[in-house]
Amino acid sequence: MKELSLLLFLLSACIQAQDSIEDINIISGKWKLNESNFNLYEEWEKTNDSTYMGLSYTLDKDEKNISERLYILKLNNHIVYIAQPGNNSPSLFTLISSEDNKFIFENKEHDFPQRITYHFTTDSTLTASIEGDVNGTLKRKEFSFRKTD
């Protein structure tokens, strides 16, 4: 009986986490990659109660060169992350974990990455990572961002 109660509690917590998109509001704003060799930005805006829209871009003489369009939204009672690099088809990742300002999105069927993580260590610092299996080897890349506005 205790196991059933624990299972119901955990299931309830998972459902609650997936129902609340407000927790991701910390992503709003302009984030700059902490790399010295180029300027990469992610810029996020809350467009309505269930959608955040983002852009990943570089700056060349104050001109935005968009590399990826990004969305976080509530879809069929799930929170999803959609990435659309260039003119390619969009890829959808489902939120599988959100706690302590760490959001993990996953799509096991995607080639690479299969997992995208946004971890806000403070209100102005973000560690984003992509990871997944490439030919039987786990690959992971981390990106350190600082909020600029």
C-alpha atoms as a PDB file:
ATOM      1  CA  MET A   1       0.000   0.000   0.000  1.00  0.00           C
ATOM      2  CA  LYS A   2       2.868   2.404   0.793  1.00  0.00           C
ATOM      3  CA  GLU A   3       4.362   1.692  -2.636  1.00  0.00           C
ATOM      4  CA  LEU A   4       1.053   2.527  -4.324  1.00  0.00           C
ATOM      5  CA  SER A   5       0.773   5.779  -2.350  1.00  0.00           C
ATOM      6  CA  LEU A   6       4.331   6.719  -3.292  1.00  0.00           C
ATOM      7  CA  LEU A   7       3.658   5.893  -6.951  1.00  0.00           C
ATOM      8  CA  LEU A   8       0.486   8.020  -6.968  1.00  0.00           C
ATOM      9  CA  PHE A   9       2.343  10.887  -5.307  1.00  0.00           C
ATOM     10  CA  LEU A  10       5.173  10.741  -7.872  1.00  0.00           C
ATOM     11  CA  LEU A  11       2.714  10.501 -10.760  1.00  0.00           C
ATOM     12  CA  SER A  12       0.851  13.514  -9.410  1.00  0.00           C
ATOM     13  CA  ALA A  13       4.109  15.483  -9.137  1.00  0.00           C
ATOM     14  CA  CYS A  14       4.990  14.631 -12.744  1.00  0.00           C
ATOM     15  CA  ILE A  15       1.566  15.692 -13.977  1.00  0.00           C
ATOM     16  CA  GLN A  16       1.796  18.962 -12.038  1.00  0.00           C
ATOM     17  CA  ALA A  17       5.242  19.674 -13.477  1.00  0.00           C
ATOM     18  CA  GLN A  18       3.981  19.111 -16.987  1.00  0.00           C
ATOM     19  CA  ASP A  19       0.911  21.300 -16.449  1.00  0.00           C
ATOM     20  CA  SER A  20       2.826  24.433 -15.338  1.00  0.00           C
ATOM     21  CA  ILE A  21       4.590  26.421 -18.029  1.00  0.00           C
ATOM     22  CA  GLU A  22       5.040  29.443 -15.726  1.00  0.00           C
ATOM     23  CA  ASP A  23       8.121  27.847 -14.146  1.00  0.00           C
ATOM     24  CA  ILE A  24      10.065  28.368 -17.379  1.00  0.00           C
ATOM     25  CA  ASN A  25       9.484  32.145 -17.286  1.00  0.00           C
ATOM     26  CA  ILE A  26      13.076  32.548 -16.064  1.00  0.00           C
ATOM     27  CA  ILE A  27      14.133  31.962 -19.690  1.00  0.00           C
ATOM     28  CA  SER A  28      12.639  35.286 -20.836  1.00  0.00           C
ATOM     29  CA  GLY A  29      15.200  37.791 -22.052  1.00  0.00           C
ATOM     30  CA  LYS A  30      18.445  37.935 -23.998  1.00  0.00           C
ATOM     31  CA  TRP A  31      21.240  35.463 -23.219  1.00  0.00           C
ATOM     32  CA  LYS A  32      24.815  35.696 -24.535  1.00  0.00           C
ATOM     33  CA  LEU A  33      27.132  32.711 -24.850  1.00  0.00           C
ATOM     34  CA  ASN A  34      30.296  33.147 -22.801  1.00  0.00           C
ATOM     35  CA  GLU A  35      32.722  32.433 -25.646  1.00  0.00           C
ATOM     36  CA  SER A  36      35.392  34.851 -26.794  1.00  0.00           C
ATOM     37  CA  ASN A  37      35.682  33.734 -30.420  1.00  0.00           C
ATOM     38  CA  PHE A  38      32.116  34.606 -31.485  1.00  0.00           C
ATOM     39  CA  ASN A  39      28.896  36.148 -30.188  1.00  0.00           C
ATOM     40  CA  LEU A  40      26.028  33.675 -29.981  1.00  0.00           C
ATOM     41  CA  TYR A  41      22.745  34.723 -28.441  1.00  0.00           C
ATOM     42  CA  GLU A  42      19.466  33.151 -27.441  1.00  0.00           C
ATOM     43  CA  GLU A  43      16.589  35.557 -27.060  1.00  0.00           C
ATOM     44  CA  TRP A  44      13.302  34.413 -25.499  1.00  0.00           C
ATOM     45  CA  GLU A  45       9.938  36.142 -25.238  1.00  0.00           C
ATOM     46  CA  LYS A  46       6.669  35.028 -23.671  1.00  0.00           C
ATOM     47  CA  THR A  47       4.119  35.483 -26.446  1.00  0.00           C
ATOM     48  CA  ASN A  48       1.019  34.281 -24.553  1.00  0.00           C
ATOM     49  CA  ASP A  49      -0.004  32.205 -21.515  1.00  0.00           C
ATOM     50  CA  SER A  50       1.204  28.959 -23.064  1.00  0.00           C
ATOM     51  CA  THR A  51       4.030  29.900 -25.452  1.00  0.00           C
ATOM     52  CA  TYR A  52       7.603  31.162 -25.331  1.00  0.00           C
ATOM     53  CA  MET A  53       9.294  32.002 -28.611  1.00  0.00           C
ATOM     54  CA  GLY A  54      13.053  32.115 -28.994  1.00  0.00           C
ATOM     55  CA  LEU A  55      15.770  32.798 -31.512  1.00  0.00           C
ATOM     56  CA  SER A  56      19.329  31.554 -31.598  1.00  0.00           C
ATOM     57  CA  TYR A  57      21.549  33.910 -33.579  1.00  0.00           C
ATOM     58  CA  THR A  58      24.929  35.507 -34.070  1.00  0.00           C
ATOM     59  CA  LEU A  59      25.564  39.199 -34.602  1.00  0.00           C
ATOM     60  CA  ASP A  60      27.501  40.520 -37.562  1.00  0.00           C
ATOM     61  CA  LYS A  61      27.769  44.312 -37.520  1.00  0.00           C
ATOM     62  CA  ASP A  62      24.540  44.524 -35.480  1.00  0.00           C
ATOM     63  CA  GLU A  63      22.706  42.303 -37.982  1.00  0.00           C
ATOM     64  CA  LYS A  64      21.060  39.159 -36.583  1.00  0.00           C
ATOM     65  CA  ASN A  65      21.978  35.962 -38.419  1.00  0.00           C
ATOM     66  CA  ILE A  66      19.301  33.569 -37.177  1.00  0.00           C
ATOM     67  CA  SER A  67      20.473  29.979 -36.920  1.00  0.00           C
ATOM     68  CA  GLU A  68      17.492  28.478 -35.128  1.00  0.00           C
ATOM     69  CA  ARG A  69      13.906  29.273 -34.183  1.00  0.00           C
ATOM     70  CA  LEU A  70      12.884  27.912 -30.796  1.00  0.00           C
ATOM     71  CA  TYR A  71       9.582  27.434 -28.992  1.00  0.00           C
ATOM     72  CA  ILE A  72       8.524  26.212 -25.570  1.00  0.00           C
ATOM     73  CA  LEU A  73       4.808  25.669 -25.347  1.00  0.00           C
ATOM     74  CA  LYS A  74       2.022  23.716 -23.775  1.00  0.00           C
ATOM     75  CA  LEU A  75       0.736  21.082 -26.206  1.00  0.00           C
ATOM     76  CA  ASN A  76      -1.852  18.454 -25.280  1.00  0.00           C
ATOM     77  CA  ASN A  77      -1.172  18.918 -21.529  1.00  0.00           C
ATOM     78  CA  HIS A  78       2.578  18.533 -22.034  1.00  0.00           C
ATOM     79  CA  ILE A  79       5.291  21.141 -22.158  1.00  0.00           C
ATOM     80  CA  VAL A  80       7.378  20.790 -25.297  1.00  0.00           C
ATOM     81  CA  TYR A  81      10.497  22.378 -26.739  1.00  0.00           C
ATOM     82  CA  ILE A  82      10.548  22.805 -30.506  1.00  0.00           C
ATOM     83  CA  ALA A  83      13.758  23.576 -32.370  1.00  0.00           C
ATOM     84  CA  GLN A  84      13.805  24.525 -36.030  1.00  0.00           C
ATOM     85  CA  PRO A  85      17.355  25.012 -37.308  1.00  0.00           C
ATOM     86  CA  GLY A  86      17.596  27.023 -40.533  1.00  0.00           C
ATOM     87  CA  ASN A  87      15.066  25.862 -43.096  1.00  0.00           C
ATOM     88  CA  ASN A  88      14.929  22.320 -41.689  1.00  0.00           C
ATOM     89  CA  SER A  89      11.867  20.632 -40.259  1.00  0.00           C
ATOM     90  CA  PRO A  90      11.137  21.341 -36.603  1.00  0.00           C
ATOM     91  CA  SER A  91      12.072  18.773 -33.935  1.00  0.00           C
ATOM     92  CA  LEU A  92       9.920  18.304 -30.848  1.00  0.00           C
ATOM     93  CA  PHE A  93      11.241  17.443 -27.366  1.00  0.00           C
ATOM     94  CA  THR A  94       9.001  16.754 -24.357  1.00  0.00           C
ATOM     95  CA  LEU A  95       9.709  18.093 -20.881  1.00  0.00           C
ATOM     96  CA  ILE A  96      10.632  15.084 -18.729  1.00  0.00           C
ATOM     97  CA  SER A  97      11.934  16.876 -15.631  1.00  0.00           C
ATOM     98  CA  SER A  98      11.695  20.327 -14.087  1.00  0.00           C
ATOM     99  CA  GLU A  99      13.049  21.058 -10.659  1.00  0.00           C
ATOM    100  CA  ASP A 100      15.396  23.583  -9.076  1.00  0.00           C
ATOM    101  CA  ASN A 101      15.386  25.740 -12.240  1.00  0.00           C
ATOM    102  CA  LYS A 102      16.621  22.801 -14.338  1.00  0.00           C
ATOM    103  CA  PHE A 103      14.478  21.825 -17.334  1.00  0.00           C
ATOM    104  CA  ILE A 104      15.176  18.638 -19.278  1.00  0.00           C
ATOM    105  CA  PHE A 105      13.533  17.982 -22.647  1.00  0.00           C
ATOM    106  CA  GLU A 106      13.861  14.659 -24.448  1.00  0.00           C
ATOM    107  CA  ASN A 107      13.159  13.016 -27.801  1.00  0.00           C
ATOM    108  CA  LYS A 108      14.707   9.546 -27.919  1.00  0.00           C
ATOM    109  CA  GLU A 109      13.833   9.206 -31.619  1.00  0.00           C
ATOM    110  CA  HIS A 110      15.794  12.291 -32.713  1.00  0.00           C
ATOM    111  CA  ASP A 111      19.237  11.742 -34.283  1.00  0.00           C
ATOM    112  CA  PHE A 112      21.163  14.297 -32.198  1.00  0.00           C
ATOM    113  CA  PRO A 113      20.597  15.594 -29.667  1.00  0.00           C
ATOM    114  CA  GLN A 114      18.118  13.387 -27.861  1.00  0.00           C
ATOM    115  CA  ARG A 115      18.179  15.533 -24.727  1.00  0.00           C
ATOM    116  CA  ILE A 116      18.274  19.319 -24.221  1.00  0.00           C
ATOM    117  CA  THR A 117      18.810  20.791 -20.762  1.00  0.00           C
ATOM    118  CA  TYR A 118      18.460  24.361 -19.543  1.00  0.00           C
ATOM    119  CA  HIS A 119      19.851  24.846 -16.027  1.00  0.00           C
ATOM    120  CA  PHE A 120      19.499  28.321 -14.550  1.00  0.00           C
ATOM    121  CA  THR A 121      22.105  28.464 -11.776  1.00  0.00           C
ATOM    122  CA  THR A 122      21.127  32.078 -10.962  1.00  0.00           C
ATOM    123  CA  ASP A 123      18.676  34.566 -12.496  1.00  0.00           C
ATOM    124  CA  SER A 124      21.463  35.732 -14.816  1.00  0.00           C
ATOM    125  CA  THR A 125      23.449  32.555 -15.560  1.00  0.00           C
ATOM    126  CA  LEU A 126      22.371  29.609 -17.658  1.00  0.00           C
ATOM    127  CA  THR A 127      24.081  26.366 -18.556  1.00  0.00           C
ATOM    128  CA  ALA A 128      22.465  24.760 -21.577  1.00  0.00           C
ATOM    129  CA  SER A 129      23.493  21.348 -22.824  1.00  0.00           C
ATOM    130  CA  ILE A 130      22.707  18.974 -25.634  1.00  0.00           C
ATOM    131  CA  GLU A 131      23.441  15.279 -25.461  1.00  0.00           C
ATOM    132  CA  GLY A 132      22.686  11.991 -27.072  1.00  0.00           C
ATOM    133  CA  ASP A 133      23.933   8.819 -28.620  1.00  0.00           C
ATOM    134  CA  VAL A 134      26.025   9.105 -31.785  1.00  0.00           C
ATOM    135  CA  ASN A 135      27.017   5.748 -33.240  1.00  0.00           C
ATOM    136  CA  GLY A 136      26.914   4.098 -29.820  1.00  0.00           C
ATOM    137  CA  THR A 137      28.858   6.854 -28.041  1.00  0.00           C
ATOM    138  CA  LEU A 138      27.303   9.375 -25.664  1.00  0.00           C
ATOM    139  CA  LYS A 139      28.117  12.904 -26.830  1.00  0.00           C
ATOM    140  CA  ARG A 140      27.509  16.000 -24.711  1.00  0.00           C
ATOM    141  CA  LYS A 141      28.130  19.688 -25.338  1.00  0.00           C
ATOM    142  CA  GLU A 142      27.663  22.443 -22.767  1.00  0.00           C
ATOM    143  CA  PHE A 143      27.056  26.134 -23.338  1.00  0.00           C
ATOM    144  CA  SER A 144      27.421  28.813 -20.634  1.00  0.00           C
ATOM    145  CA  PHE A 145      25.207  31.866 -21.103  1.00  0.00           C
ATOM    146  CA  ARG A 146      24.886  35.122 -19.192  1.00  0.00           C
ATOM    147  CA  LYS A 147      21.750  37.279 -19.282  1.00  0.00           C
ATOM    148  CA  THR A 148      22.378  40.593 -21.001  1.00  0.00           C
ATOM    149  CA  ASP A 149      19.123  42.450 -20.263  1.00  0.00           C
END
